[in-house]
Amino acid sequence: MLQIMADAEGTRCTIDTGHAHVSGLDSTRVIDQVGNRLAEVHLSDNAGQSDEHLIPGTGTISFEGFMSHISSPDTLLCLELNPHRYDENEILSSVGATRSLLHLS
């Protein structure tokens, strides 16, 4: 299915790291498959059982080398967190922590 979408002309894709992990997929492999058709990445973490929308680095997803798989600087990174788990300060501080984890700062 991924290869069909990756080959369809004009198709852009969004990858959700949490959904991929719960499904037993490696997000970096999925990103490699869609290549330059990747438009957006929804970043969150979980323990692999349910889509908990945890701060990246606090679950069991490995983000080591993650950014090296994203080929376009125009790819949108969206931090997708559970607003019922974290307060405003935790969410705001998670931005810096995620940037560090992904080696963006």
N, C-alpha and C. Protein backbone atom coordinates (compact mmCIF):
# COMPACT_ATOMS: atom_id res chain seq x y z
N MET A 1 0.81 -1.20 0.00
CA MET A 1 0.00 0.00 0.00
C MET A 1 0.86 1.26 0.00
N LEU A 2 1.90 1.29 0.85
CA LEU A 2 2.76 2.46 0.90
C LEU A 2 3.42 2.72 -0.44
N GLN A 3 3.88 1.66 -1.09
CA GLN A 3 4.55 1.84 -2.37
C GLN A 3 3.59 2.38 -3.43
N ILE A 4 2.34 1.93 -3.40
CA ILE A 4 1.34 2.45 -4.34
C ILE A 4 1.17 3.94 -4.13
N MET A 5 1.04 4.37 -2.87
CA MET A 5 0.90 5.80 -2.59
C MET A 5 2.15 6.57 -2.96
N ALA A 6 3.30 6.00 -2.69
CA ALA A 6 4.56 6.68 -2.99
C ALA A 6 4.75 6.85 -4.48
N ASP A 7 4.18 5.95 -5.27
CA ASP A 7 4.33 6.02 -6.72
C ASP A 7 3.25 6.85 -7.41
N ALA A 8 2.16 7.16 -6.74
CA ALA A 8 1.07 7.91 -7.35
C ALA A 8 1.49 9.37 -7.54
N GLU A 9 1.39 9.82 -8.76
CA GLU A 9 1.81 11.18 -9.10
C GLU A 9 0.99 12.22 -8.33
N GLY A 10 1.67 13.19 -7.73
CA GLY A 10 1.02 14.26 -7.02
C GLY A 10 0.62 13.94 -5.59
N THR A 11 0.84 12.70 -5.17
CA THR A 11 0.46 12.30 -3.82
C THR A 11 1.48 12.79 -2.80
N ARG A 12 1.00 13.37 -1.72
CA ARG A 12 1.85 13.77 -0.59
C ARG A 12 1.38 12.97 0.61
N CYS A 13 2.26 12.69 1.53
CA CYS A 13 1.95 11.82 2.66
C CYS A 13 2.25 12.49 3.99
N THR A 14 1.48 12.08 5.00
CA THR A 14 1.74 12.44 6.38
C THR A 14 2.06 11.16 7.13
N ILE A 15 3.13 11.16 7.89
CA ILE A 15 3.51 10.02 8.70
C ILE A 15 3.31 10.41 10.16
N ASP A 16 2.66 9.54 10.93
CA ASP A 16 2.46 9.75 12.35
C ASP A 16 3.32 8.73 13.09
N THR A 17 4.31 9.22 13.84
CA THR A 17 5.25 8.31 14.50
C THR A 17 4.55 7.41 15.52
N GLY A 18 3.57 7.94 16.21
CA GLY A 18 2.83 7.15 17.20
C GLY A 18 2.01 6.06 16.56
N HIS A 19 1.30 6.39 15.48
CA HIS A 19 0.49 5.40 14.78
C HIS A 19 1.38 4.30 14.20
N ALA A 20 2.49 4.70 13.62
CA ALA A 20 3.41 3.71 13.04
C ALA A 20 3.91 2.75 14.12
N HIS A 21 4.31 3.29 15.26
CA HIS A 21 4.86 2.46 16.34
C HIS A 21 3.83 1.46 16.87
N VAL A 22 2.60 1.92 17.09
CA VAL A 22 1.53 1.03 17.57
C VAL A 22 1.25 -0.07 16.54
N SER A 23 1.43 0.26 15.27
CA SER A 23 1.19 -0.72 14.20
C SER A 23 2.39 -1.63 13.96
N GLY A 24 3.45 -1.43 14.73
CA GLY A 24 4.64 -2.27 14.57
C GLY A 24 5.55 -1.85 13.44
N LEU A 25 5.37 -0.62 12.95
CA LEU A 25 6.19 -0.11 11.85
C LEU A 25 7.28 0.82 12.38
N ASP A 26 8.37 0.87 11.67
CA ASP A 26 9.46 1.80 11.97
C ASP A 26 9.22 3.05 11.13
N SER A 27 9.00 4.18 11.78
CA SER A 27 8.70 5.43 11.06
C SER A 27 9.76 5.78 10.03
N THR A 28 11.02 5.53 10.35
CA THR A 28 12.08 5.89 9.40
C THR A 28 11.99 5.05 8.13
N ARG A 29 11.59 3.81 8.25
CA ARG A 29 11.43 2.95 7.05
C ARG A 29 10.26 3.45 6.20
N VAL A 30 9.18 3.86 6.86
CA VAL A 30 8.02 4.39 6.14
C VAL A 30 8.42 5.68 5.43
N ILE A 31 9.15 6.55 6.13
CA ILE A 31 9.62 7.80 5.52
C ILE A 31 10.50 7.51 4.32
N ASP A 32 11.38 6.54 4.44
CA ASP A 32 12.24 6.17 3.31
C ASP A 32 11.41 5.69 2.12
N GLN A 33 10.33 4.98 2.39
CA GLN A 33 9.49 4.48 1.31
C GLN A 33 8.77 5.60 0.56
N VAL A 34 8.28 6.60 1.27
CA VAL A 34 7.55 7.68 0.59
C VAL A 34 8.49 8.75 0.04
N GLY A 35 9.71 8.79 0.55
CA GLY A 35 10.74 9.68 0.01
C GLY A 35 10.33 11.14 0.00
N ASN A 36 10.54 11.79 -1.14
CA ASN A 36 10.29 13.23 -1.23
C ASN A 36 8.81 13.59 -1.30
N ARG A 37 7.94 12.61 -1.21
CA ARG A 37 6.49 12.89 -1.17
C ARG A 37 6.00 13.11 0.26
N LEU A 38 6.92 13.07 1.20
CA LEU A 38 6.56 13.31 2.60
C LEU A 38 6.27 14.80 2.78
N ALA A 39 5.07 15.11 3.23
CA ALA A 39 4.68 16.50 3.44
C ALA A 39 4.74 16.89 4.91
N GLU A 40 4.41 15.93 5.80
CA GLU A 40 4.27 16.28 7.21
C GLU A 40 4.56 15.05 8.07
N VAL A 41 5.12 15.31 9.26
CA VAL A 41 5.34 14.26 10.25
C VAL A 41 4.66 14.70 11.54
N HIS A 42 3.79 13.84 12.06
CA HIS A 42 3.18 14.06 13.37
C HIS A 42 4.07 13.35 14.38
N LEU A 43 4.73 14.11 15.22
CA LEU A 43 5.68 13.57 16.20
C LEU A 43 5.03 13.35 17.56
N SER A 44 5.07 12.14 18.02
CA SER A 44 4.67 11.80 19.38
C SER A 44 5.32 10.47 19.71
N ASP A 45 5.21 10.08 20.95
CA ASP A 45 5.81 8.83 21.40
C ASP A 45 4.75 8.00 22.10
N ASN A 46 5.03 6.73 22.30
CA ASN A 46 4.16 5.84 23.07
C ASN A 46 4.95 4.59 23.43
N ALA A 47 4.31 3.69 24.15
CA ALA A 47 4.96 2.44 24.57
C ALA A 47 4.68 1.29 23.62
N GLY A 48 4.03 1.57 22.50
CA GLY A 48 3.77 0.55 21.50
C GLY A 48 2.44 -0.17 21.65
N GLN A 49 1.69 0.15 22.69
CA GLN A 49 0.41 -0.52 22.92
C GLN A 49 -0.78 0.32 22.48
N SER A 50 -0.70 1.63 22.69
CA SER A 50 -1.77 2.54 22.28
C SER A 50 -1.14 3.87 21.91
N ASP A 51 -1.88 4.68 21.19
CA ASP A 51 -1.38 5.97 20.72
C ASP A 51 -1.56 7.00 21.83
N GLU A 52 -0.58 7.07 22.73
CA GLU A 52 -0.68 7.88 23.94
C GLU A 52 -0.35 9.36 23.74
N HIS A 53 0.25 9.71 22.61
CA HIS A 53 0.66 11.09 22.33
C HIS A 53 1.57 11.64 23.42
N LEU A 54 2.62 10.86 23.72
CA LEU A 54 3.62 11.27 24.71
C LEU A 54 4.66 12.19 24.06
N ILE A 55 5.35 12.92 24.89
CA ILE A 55 6.46 13.76 24.43
C ILE A 55 7.53 12.84 23.83
N PRO A 56 8.02 13.15 22.62
CA PRO A 56 9.07 12.32 22.03
C PRO A 56 10.24 12.13 22.98
N GLY A 57 10.67 10.88 23.11
CA GLY A 57 11.77 10.54 24.02
C GLY A 57 11.29 9.99 25.35
N THR A 58 9.98 10.01 25.60
CA THR A 58 9.46 9.50 26.86
C THR A 58 8.77 8.15 26.73
N GLY A 59 8.67 7.64 25.52
CA GLY A 59 8.09 6.32 25.27
C GLY A 59 9.18 5.38 24.77
N THR A 60 8.81 4.47 23.89
CA THR A 60 9.78 3.47 23.41
C THR A 60 10.16 3.62 21.94
N ILE A 61 9.75 4.71 21.30
CA ILE A 61 10.14 4.95 19.91
C ILE A 61 11.59 5.46 19.90
N SER A 62 12.39 4.91 19.00
CA SER A 62 13.76 5.40 18.84
C SER A 62 13.77 6.52 17.81
N PHE A 63 14.19 7.69 18.24
CA PHE A 63 14.28 8.84 17.33
C PHE A 63 15.73 9.08 16.90
N GLU A 64 16.62 8.17 17.23
CA GLU A 64 18.04 8.31 16.85
C GLU A 64 18.16 8.33 15.32
N GLY A 65 18.76 9.38 14.81
CA GLY A 65 18.96 9.50 13.37
C GLY A 65 17.70 9.79 12.58
N PHE A 66 16.61 10.08 13.26
CA PHE A 66 15.31 10.28 12.63
C PHE A 66 15.35 11.33 11.51
N MET A 67 15.93 12.49 11.81
CA MET A 67 15.92 13.60 10.85
C MET A 67 16.71 13.30 9.59
N SER A 68 17.68 12.40 9.65
CA SER A 68 18.46 12.09 8.44
C SER A 68 17.62 11.38 7.39
N HIS A 69 16.45 10.91 7.76
CA HIS A 69 15.56 10.23 6.81
C HIS A 69 14.61 11.19 6.11
N ILE A 70 14.52 12.41 6.59
CA ILE A 70 13.62 13.40 6.00
C ILE A 70 14.40 14.18 4.95
N SER A 71 14.01 14.01 3.69
CA SER A 71 14.81 14.54 2.59
C SER A 71 14.53 16.00 2.25
N SER A 72 13.38 16.52 2.63
CA SER A 72 13.04 17.90 2.27
C SER A 72 13.03 18.81 3.48
N PRO A 73 13.68 19.97 3.37
CA PRO A 73 13.62 20.93 4.47
C PRO A 73 12.22 21.55 4.61
N ASP A 74 11.34 21.32 3.64
CA ASP A 74 9.99 21.86 3.68
C ASP A 74 9.00 20.95 4.40
N THR A 75 9.46 19.78 4.85
CA THR A 75 8.58 18.87 5.56
C THR A 75 8.17 19.49 6.90
N LEU A 76 6.87 19.54 7.15
CA LEU A 76 6.34 20.12 8.38
C LEU A 76 6.43 19.10 9.51
N LEU A 77 6.98 19.51 10.63
CA LEU A 77 7.02 18.66 11.83
C LEU A 77 6.00 19.20 12.82
N CYS A 78 5.04 18.36 13.18
CA CYS A 78 3.96 18.75 14.09
C CYS A 78 4.08 17.93 15.37
N LEU A 79 4.30 18.60 16.48
CA LEU A 79 4.37 17.94 17.78
C LEU A 79 2.94 17.67 18.24
N GLU A 80 2.59 16.41 18.32
CA GLU A 80 1.21 16.02 18.62
C GLU A 80 1.14 15.36 19.99
N LEU A 81 0.68 16.13 20.99
CA LEU A 81 0.67 15.66 22.37
C LEU A 81 -0.75 15.58 22.92
N ASN A 82 -0.91 14.77 23.96
CA ASN A 82 -2.18 14.62 24.64
C ASN A 82 -2.38 15.82 25.58
N PRO A 83 -3.34 16.71 25.28
CA PRO A 83 -3.52 17.91 26.10
C PRO A 83 -4.09 17.60 27.49
N HIS A 84 -4.60 16.39 27.70
CA HIS A 84 -5.15 16.02 29.00
C HIS A 84 -4.08 15.43 29.92
N ARG A 85 -2.93 15.09 29.35
CA ARG A 85 -1.83 14.50 30.13
C ARG A 85 -0.86 15.58 30.61
N TYR A 86 -0.68 16.63 29.81
CA TYR A 86 0.34 17.64 30.08
C TYR A 86 -0.28 19.00 30.32
N ASP A 87 0.34 19.77 31.21
CA ASP A 87 -0.12 21.15 31.38
C ASP A 87 0.61 22.04 30.38
N GLU A 88 0.23 23.29 30.34
CA GLU A 88 0.78 24.23 29.35
C GLU A 88 2.30 24.34 29.43
N ASN A 89 2.85 24.41 30.63
CA ASN A 89 4.30 24.54 30.78
C ASN A 89 5.03 23.30 30.28
N GLU A 90 4.47 22.12 30.55
CA GLU A 90 5.10 20.88 30.06
C GLU A 90 5.08 20.83 28.53
N ILE A 91 3.99 21.26 27.94
CA ILE A 91 3.89 21.27 26.48
C ILE A 91 4.90 22.24 25.89
N LEU A 92 4.98 23.44 26.47
CA LEU A 92 5.93 24.43 25.95
C LEU A 92 7.37 23.97 26.11
N SER A 93 7.71 23.35 27.24
CA SER A 93 9.09 22.88 27.44
C SER A 93 9.40 21.66 26.57
N SER A 94 8.37 20.92 26.17
CA SER A 94 8.60 19.75 25.32
C SER A 94 9.10 20.14 23.93
N VAL A 95 8.81 21.36 23.51
CA VAL A 95 9.28 21.82 22.20
C VAL A 95 10.81 21.84 22.18
N GLY A 96 11.42 22.43 23.17
CA GLY A 96 12.88 22.47 23.25
C GLY A 96 13.47 21.08 23.41
N ALA A 97 12.84 20.26 24.23
CA ALA A 97 13.33 18.88 24.43
C ALA A 97 13.27 18.08 23.13
N THR A 98 12.20 18.27 22.38
CA THR A 98 12.05 17.56 21.10
C THR A 98 13.07 18.06 20.09
N ARG A 99 13.29 19.36 20.04
CA ARG A 99 14.30 19.91 19.13
C ARG A 99 15.68 19.32 19.45
N SER A 100 16.00 19.21 20.72
CA SER A 100 17.29 18.61 21.13
C SER A 100 17.36 17.14 20.75
N LEU A 101 16.28 16.40 21.02
CA LEU A 101 16.24 14.97 20.69
C LEU A 101 16.47 14.74 19.21
N LEU A 102 15.91 15.61 18.38
CA LEU A 102 16.02 15.47 16.92
C LEU A 102 17.24 16.19 16.36
N HIS A 103 18.04 16.79 17.25
CA HIS A 103 19.24 17.55 16.86
C HIS A 103 18.89 18.71 15.93
N LEU A 104 17.83 19.43 16.29
CA LEU A 104 17.41 20.59 15.51
C LEU A 104 17.89 21.90 16.10
N SER A 105 18.47 21.85 17.31
CA SER A 105 18.93 23.12 17.91
C SER A 105 20.37 23.02 18.33
